[in-house]
Structures are given as structure tokens and as C-alpha cells.
């Protein structure tokens, strides 16, 4: 964490993957700082029937990262078993509101750390050229793995704003 504000080489990873990981690590750090010390009740707080809970968003981060592991390293979609584990957290919505609740913060952090650990292992097996591998992506548009992995932490940053908004709501007594 001493080098949190440096986008630089990371031992064991190629240069561009190091930079990507530097950004992913910073995004994750800011998420963890945002949620530290939240209670189970705060993690389960739902502002309205259209929203997400903080707990659901944390599990969503792990699910998205896992899905991109599968897509970019195994060149496939999640199978039925994986969807039974991660599908609700990927989709969120009403199903997520009902299914993802009642967990302590450690539960979500453990899931996120397990998935990130696998990401690090996988990134050690490829080099910078791998990042430029292209395939069809959203709406049959070309994308490369660099963009796809950018989206993993871009999604976290986007939802970090949602987490901050939820926290403001329950910190102002509107729970």
C-alpha cells in the first residue's frame, strides 16, 4: 500500500499488466476504504426498490472480475454452475436485493480477495501482447483484453459513487 499512488512496474508482471494492476489496486483500495467498519445493517441498507445494497455491490465486484477471468483467460461464458454462484451478483436487481443480504463485511472482502488472488495468478501467466488480443464484445464491437480489464475497475469506480450515495443516506438518519 505504500505505492498506492504510483502507476508503475510490479514485480512478477509485465510492464503494461503492472500498470493495469496498479490502477485496479487503487480502485479496490478506495472501495475498501469506503466500506471499512460498515455493519451488516449498513451493508444491507436499501434506499428504494430500484437500488442496490452496498453488500450486493461488493459481491458484484467479485462476480464481474470472475466473469472477465473466464472470458479473457478461458475464452468462454460462465457455465451453469458458475452462474448459480455468480449470476445474481452479476445481474443485481430484485433478485440481488432478495438474495444478497445478511453477510458481514468480511464475507464480501473474502470473496473479493479470493477472486483478485486468482486474477493475479492468471496475469502472471501472460505478457503485454495478451492485453491486445481482440474479440467481439458488447454489441458485436471489437474490443481487446486491455479494455475488458479496464472495465473491471471502471465498474468498481462507477459503483463507488453509488456506495457513497447510499452511505450519505444512512448517515443522515434517513434509514
C-alpha atoms as a PDB file:
ATOM      1  CA  UNK A   1       0.000   0.000   0.000  1.00  0.00           C
ATOM      2  CA  UNK A   2       3.000   2.342   0.234  1.00  0.00           C
ATOM      3  CA  UNK A   3       2.982   2.726  -3.555  1.00  0.00           C
ATOM      4  CA  UNK A   4      -0.778   3.176  -3.901  1.00  0.00           C
ATOM      5  CA  UNK A   5      -0.390   6.404  -5.877  1.00  0.00           C
ATOM      6  CA  UNK A   6       2.219   5.076  -8.291  1.00  0.00           C
ATOM      7  CA  UNK A   7       1.266   3.529 -11.608  1.00  0.00           C
ATOM      8  CA  UNK A   8       4.435   1.585 -12.113  1.00  0.00           C
ATOM      9  CA  UNK A   9       6.068  -1.798 -12.551  1.00  0.00           C
ATOM     10  CA  UNK A  10       5.034  -4.552 -10.160  1.00  0.00           C
ATOM     11  CA  UNK A  11       7.499  -7.422  -9.706  1.00  0.00           C
ATOM     12  CA  UNK A  12       6.339 -10.606 -11.422  1.00  0.00           C
ATOM     13  CA  UNK A  13       4.196  -8.840 -14.036  1.00  0.00           C
ATOM     14  CA  UNK A  14       4.936  -7.399 -17.456  1.00  0.00           C
ATOM     15  CA  UNK A  15       5.015  -3.580 -17.736  1.00  0.00           C
ATOM     16  CA  UNK A  16       1.517  -2.934 -19.128  1.00  0.00           C
ATOM     17  CA  UNK A  17      -0.086  -5.550 -16.898  1.00  0.00           C
ATOM     18  CA  UNK A  18       1.707  -3.906 -13.957  1.00  0.00           C
ATOM     19  CA  UNK A  19       0.160  -0.569 -14.851  1.00  0.00           C
ATOM     20  CA  UNK A  20      -3.267  -2.108 -15.246  1.00  0.00           C
ATOM     21  CA  UNK A  21      -2.897  -3.809 -11.870  1.00  0.00           C
ATOM     22  CA  UNK A  22      -1.721  -0.556 -10.301  1.00  0.00           C
ATOM     23  CA  UNK A  23      -4.984   1.061 -11.360  1.00  0.00           C
ATOM     24  CA  UNK A  24      -7.053  -1.955 -10.304  1.00  0.00           C
ATOM     25  CA  UNK A  25      -5.340  -1.956  -6.905  1.00  0.00           C
ATOM     26  CA  UNK A  26      -6.022   1.735  -6.386  1.00  0.00           C
ATOM     27  CA  UNK A  27      -9.688   1.350  -7.323  1.00  0.00           C
ATOM     28  CA  UNK A  28     -10.021  -1.583  -4.909  1.00  0.00           C
ATOM     29  CA  UNK A  29      -8.202   0.331  -2.164  1.00  0.00           C
ATOM     30  CA  UNK A  30     -10.665   3.214  -2.445  1.00  0.00           C
ATOM     31  CA  UNK A  31     -13.598   0.795  -2.273  1.00  0.00           C
ATOM     32  CA  UNK A  32     -12.228  -0.901   0.845  1.00  0.00           C
ATOM     33  CA  UNK A  33     -11.600   2.463   2.500  1.00  0.00           C
ATOM     34  CA  UNK A  34     -15.183   3.464   1.705  1.00  0.00           C
ATOM     35  CA  UNK A  35     -16.737   0.381   3.319  1.00  0.00           C
ATOM     36  CA  UNK A  36     -14.419  -0.288   6.254  1.00  0.00           C
ATOM     37  CA  UNK A  37     -16.266  -0.700   9.539  1.00  0.00           C
ATOM     38  CA  UNK A  38     -19.737  -0.907   7.970  1.00  0.00           C
ATOM     39  CA  UNK A  39     -22.220  -3.004   9.922  1.00  0.00           C
ATOM     40  CA  UNK A  40     -24.322  -5.805   8.481  1.00  0.00           C
ATOM     41  CA  UNK A  41     -27.331  -3.478   8.657  1.00  0.00           C
ATOM     42  CA  UNK A  42     -25.496  -0.794   6.698  1.00  0.00           C
ATOM     43  CA  UNK A  43     -24.326  -3.323   4.107  1.00  0.00           C
ATOM     44  CA  UNK A  44     -27.955  -4.443   3.687  1.00  0.00           C
ATOM     45  CA  UNK A  45     -29.480  -0.938   3.596  1.00  0.00           C
ATOM     46  CA  UNK A  46     -31.702  -0.483   0.544  1.00  0.00           C
ATOM     47  CA  UNK A  47     -32.604   3.102  -0.347  1.00  0.00           C
ATOM     48  CA  UNK A  48     -35.546   2.141  -2.543  1.00  0.00           C
ATOM     49  CA  UNK A  49     -36.890  -0.734  -4.616  1.00  0.00           C
ATOM     50  CA  UNK A  50     -34.769   0.303  -7.612  1.00  0.00           C
ATOM     51  CA  UNK A  51     -31.430   0.344  -5.822  1.00  0.00           C
ATOM     52  CA  UNK A  52     -28.687  -1.955  -4.689  1.00  0.00           C
ATOM     53  CA  UNK A  53     -27.244  -2.564  -1.273  1.00  0.00           C
ATOM     54  CA  UNK A  54     -23.584  -1.965  -0.554  1.00  0.00           C
ATOM     55  CA  UNK A  55     -23.174  -5.679   0.158  1.00  0.00           C
ATOM     56  CA  UNK A  56     -24.647  -6.579  -3.222  1.00  0.00           C
ATOM     57  CA  UNK A  57     -22.300  -4.137  -4.941  1.00  0.00           C
ATOM     58  CA  UNK A  58     -19.281  -5.636  -3.194  1.00  0.00           C
ATOM     59  CA  UNK A  59     -20.262  -9.122  -4.323  1.00  0.00           C
ATOM     60  CA  UNK A  60     -20.920  -7.669  -7.783  1.00  0.00           C
ATOM     61  CA  UNK A  61     -17.264  -6.546  -7.949  1.00  0.00           C
ATOM     62  CA  UNK A  62     -16.093 -10.098  -7.301  1.00  0.00           C
ATOM     63  CA  UNK A  63     -18.590 -11.515  -9.805  1.00  0.00           C
ATOM     64  CA  UNK A  64     -17.601  -9.123 -12.587  1.00  0.00           C
ATOM     65  CA  UNK A  65     -13.911  -9.831 -12.075  1.00  0.00           C
ATOM     66  CA  UNK A  66     -14.542 -13.578 -12.077  1.00  0.00           C
ATOM     67  CA  UNK A  67     -16.595 -13.314 -15.267  1.00  0.00           C
ATOM     68  CA  UNK A  68     -13.779 -11.454 -17.005  1.00  0.00           C
ATOM     69  CA  UNK A  69     -11.282 -14.061 -15.858  1.00  0.00           C
ATOM     70  CA  UNK A  70     -13.381 -16.699 -17.572  1.00  0.00           C
ATOM     71  CA  UNK A  71     -13.994 -14.635 -20.685  1.00  0.00           C
ATOM     72  CA  UNK A  72     -10.423 -13.494 -21.264  1.00  0.00           C
ATOM     73  CA  UNK A  73      -8.387 -16.427 -19.984  1.00  0.00           C
ATOM     74  CA  UNK A  74     -10.696 -19.294 -20.938  1.00  0.00           C
ATOM     75  CA  UNK A  75     -12.496 -17.648 -23.895  1.00  0.00           C
ATOM     76  CA  UNK A  76     -15.930 -18.718 -22.736  1.00  0.00           C
ATOM     77  CA  UNK A  77     -19.011 -17.536 -20.882  1.00  0.00           C
ATOM     78  CA  UNK A  78     -19.852 -18.618 -17.364  1.00  0.00           C
ATOM     79  CA  UNK A  79     -21.264 -22.125 -17.243  1.00  0.00           C
ATOM     80  CA  UNK A  80     -24.406 -23.162 -15.382  1.00  0.00           C
ATOM     81  CA  UNK A  81     -22.563 -23.950 -12.140  1.00  0.00           C
ATOM     82  CA  UNK A  82     -20.709 -20.636 -12.221  1.00  0.00           C
ATOM     83  CA  UNK A  83     -23.933 -18.778 -12.946  1.00  0.00           C
ATOM     84  CA  UNK A  84     -25.531 -20.407  -9.911  1.00  0.00           C
ATOM     85  CA  UNK A  85     -22.715 -18.908  -7.822  1.00  0.00           C
ATOM     86  CA  UNK A  86     -22.215 -15.527  -9.512  1.00  0.00           C
ATOM     87  CA  UNK A  87     -25.317 -14.855 -11.626  1.00  0.00           C
ATOM     88  CA  UNK A  88     -27.323 -12.996  -9.013  1.00  0.00           C
ATOM     89  CA  UNK A  89     -24.374 -10.739  -8.157  1.00  0.00           C
ATOM     90  CA  UNK A  90     -23.766 -10.038 -11.851  1.00  0.00           C
ATOM     91  CA  UNK A  91     -27.373  -9.096 -12.551  1.00  0.00           C
ATOM     92  CA  UNK A  92     -28.266  -7.449  -9.217  1.00  0.00           C
ATOM     93  CA  UNK A  93     -31.806  -6.029  -9.445  1.00  0.00           C
ATOM     94  CA  UNK A  94     -34.708  -7.507  -7.491  1.00  0.00           C
ATOM     95  CA  UNK A  95     -33.060 -10.928  -7.292  1.00  0.00           C
ATOM     96  CA  UNK A  96     -29.936  -9.384  -5.791  1.00  0.00           C
ATOM     97  CA  UNK A  97     -31.988  -7.364  -3.311  1.00  0.00           C
ATOM     98  CA  UNK A  98     -33.574 -10.541  -2.006  1.00  0.00           C
ATOM     99  CA  UNK A  99     -30.638 -12.956  -2.161  1.00  0.00           C
ATOM    100  CA  UNK A 100     -27.597 -10.881  -1.215  1.00  0.00           C
ATOM    101  CA  UNK A 101     -28.065  -9.884   2.391  1.00  0.00           C
ATOM    102  CA  UNK A 102     -27.270 -10.847   5.937  1.00  0.00           C
ATOM    103  CA  UNK A 103     -23.499 -11.044   5.496  1.00  0.00           C
ATOM    104  CA  UNK A 104     -20.790  -9.335   7.484  1.00  0.00           C
ATOM    105  CA  UNK A 105     -18.215  -7.186   5.673  1.00  0.00           C
ATOM    106  CA  UNK A 106     -15.582  -9.922   5.994  1.00  0.00           C
ATOM    107  CA  UNK A 107     -17.709 -12.201   3.803  1.00  0.00           C
ATOM    108  CA  UNK A 108     -17.621  -9.744   0.904  1.00  0.00           C
ATOM    109  CA  UNK A 109     -13.972  -8.843   1.361  1.00  0.00           C
ATOM    110  CA  UNK A 110     -13.020 -12.524   1.385  1.00  0.00           C
ATOM    111  CA  UNK A 111     -14.876 -13.121  -1.893  1.00  0.00           C
ATOM    112  CA  UNK A 112     -13.216 -10.101  -3.479  1.00  0.00           C
ATOM    113  CA  UNK A 113      -9.771 -11.172  -2.251  1.00  0.00           C
ATOM    114  CA  UNK A 114     -10.227 -14.758  -3.479  1.00  0.00           C
ATOM    115  CA  UNK A 115     -11.136 -13.586  -6.957  1.00  0.00           C
ATOM    116  CA  UNK A 116      -8.366 -10.975  -7.022  1.00  0.00           C
ATOM    117  CA  UNK A 117      -5.847 -13.606  -5.942  1.00  0.00           C
ATOM    118  CA  UNK A 118      -6.820 -15.719  -8.936  1.00  0.00           C
ATOM    119  CA  UNK A 119      -6.588 -12.652 -11.187  1.00  0.00           C
ATOM    120  CA  UNK A 120      -3.018 -12.075 -10.018  1.00  0.00           C
ATOM    121  CA  UNK A 121      -2.119 -15.707 -10.664  1.00  0.00           C
ATOM    122  CA  UNK A 122      -3.618 -15.530 -14.145  1.00  0.00           C
ATOM    123  CA  UNK A 123      -1.921 -12.232 -15.002  1.00  0.00           C
ATOM    124  CA  UNK A 124       1.451 -13.795 -14.171  1.00  0.00           C
ATOM    125  CA  UNK A 125       0.890 -16.298 -16.994  1.00  0.00           C
ATOM    126  CA  UNK A 126       0.564 -13.707 -19.783  1.00  0.00           C
ATOM    127  CA  UNK A 127       2.526 -10.786 -21.192  1.00  0.00           C
ATOM    128  CA  UNK A 128       1.680  -7.379 -22.592  1.00  0.00           C
ATOM    129  CA  UNK A 129       0.865  -8.763 -26.047  1.00  0.00           C
ATOM    130  CA  UNK A 130      -2.005 -10.718 -24.478  1.00  0.00           C
ATOM    131  CA  UNK A 131      -3.675  -7.426 -23.478  1.00  0.00           C
ATOM    132  CA  UNK A 132      -4.088  -6.568 -27.158  1.00  0.00           C
ATOM    133  CA  UNK A 133      -5.948  -9.782 -28.018  1.00  0.00           C
ATOM    134  CA  UNK A 134      -9.183  -8.746 -29.741  1.00  0.00           C
ATOM    135  CA  UNK A 135     -12.596 -10.328 -29.827  1.00  0.00           C
ATOM    136  CA  UNK A 136     -16.167  -9.246 -30.305  1.00  0.00           C
ATOM    137  CA  UNK A 137     -17.602  -7.625 -27.247  1.00  0.00           C
ATOM    138  CA  UNK A 138     -20.671  -5.574 -26.423  1.00  0.00           C
ATOM    139  CA  UNK A 139     -22.996  -5.182 -29.396  1.00  0.00           C
ATOM    140  CA  UNK A 140     -20.581  -7.180 -31.585  1.00  0.00           C
ATOM    141  CA  UNK A 141     -17.949  -4.446 -31.468  1.00  0.00           C
ATOM    142  CA  UNK A 142     -14.227  -5.237 -31.407  1.00  0.00           C
ATOM    143  CA  UNK A 143     -12.527  -4.896 -28.032  1.00  0.00           C
ATOM    144  CA  UNK A 144      -9.250  -6.040 -26.594  1.00  0.00           C
ATOM    145  CA  UNK A 145      -8.470  -7.589 -23.247  1.00  0.00           C
ATOM    146  CA  UNK A 146      -6.922  -4.332 -22.109  1.00  0.00           C
ATOM    147  CA  UNK A 147     -10.295  -2.623 -22.457  1.00  0.00           C
ATOM    148  CA  UNK A 148     -12.126  -5.519 -20.835  1.00  0.00           C
ATOM    149  CA  UNK A 149      -9.880  -5.404 -17.777  1.00  0.00           C
ATOM    150  CA  UNK A 150     -10.128  -1.610 -17.696  1.00  0.00           C
ATOM    151  CA  UNK A 151     -13.878  -2.149 -17.465  1.00  0.00           C
ATOM    152  CA  UNK A 152     -13.436  -4.358 -14.374  1.00  0.00           C
ATOM    153  CA  UNK A 153     -12.093  -1.480 -12.306  1.00  0.00           C
ATOM    154  CA  UNK A 154     -14.099   1.177 -14.150  1.00  0.00           C
ATOM    155  CA  UNK A 155     -17.208  -0.684 -12.973  1.00  0.00           C
ATOM    156  CA  UNK A 156     -15.926  -0.545  -9.387  1.00  0.00           C
ATOM    157  CA  UNK A 157     -15.243   3.177  -9.650  1.00  0.00           C
ATOM    158  CA  UNK A 158     -18.709   3.753 -11.058  1.00  0.00           C
ATOM    159  CA  UNK A 159     -20.361   1.829  -8.228  1.00  0.00           C
ATOM    160  CA  UNK A 160     -18.116   3.515  -5.641  1.00  0.00           C
ATOM    161  CA  UNK A 161     -20.171   6.629  -6.315  1.00  0.00           C
ATOM    162  CA  UNK A 162     -23.320   4.635  -5.641  1.00  0.00           C
ATOM    163  CA  UNK A 163     -21.819   3.347  -2.379  1.00  0.00           C
ATOM    164  CA  UNK A 164     -21.028   6.917  -1.297  1.00  0.00           C
ATOM    165  CA  UNK A 165     -24.574   7.993  -2.051  1.00  0.00           C
ATOM    166  CA  UNK A 166     -26.016   5.085  -0.042  1.00  0.00           C
ATOM    167  CA  UNK A 167     -23.716   5.890   2.886  1.00  0.00           C
ATOM    168  CA  UNK A 168     -24.839   9.529   2.872  1.00  0.00           C
ATOM    169  CA  UNK A 169     -28.434   8.379   3.065  1.00  0.00           C
ATOM    170  CA  UNK A 170     -27.963   6.193   6.125  1.00  0.00           C
ATOM    171  CA  UNK A 171     -25.509   8.622   7.739  1.00  0.00           C
ATOM    172  CA  UNK A 172     -28.092  11.420   7.669  1.00  0.00           C
ATOM    173  CA  UNK A 173     -30.650   9.437   9.648  1.00  0.00           C
ATOM    174  CA  UNK A 174     -32.867   8.638   6.674  1.00  0.00           C
ATOM    175  CA  UNK A 175     -32.781   4.902   7.323  1.00  0.00           C
END
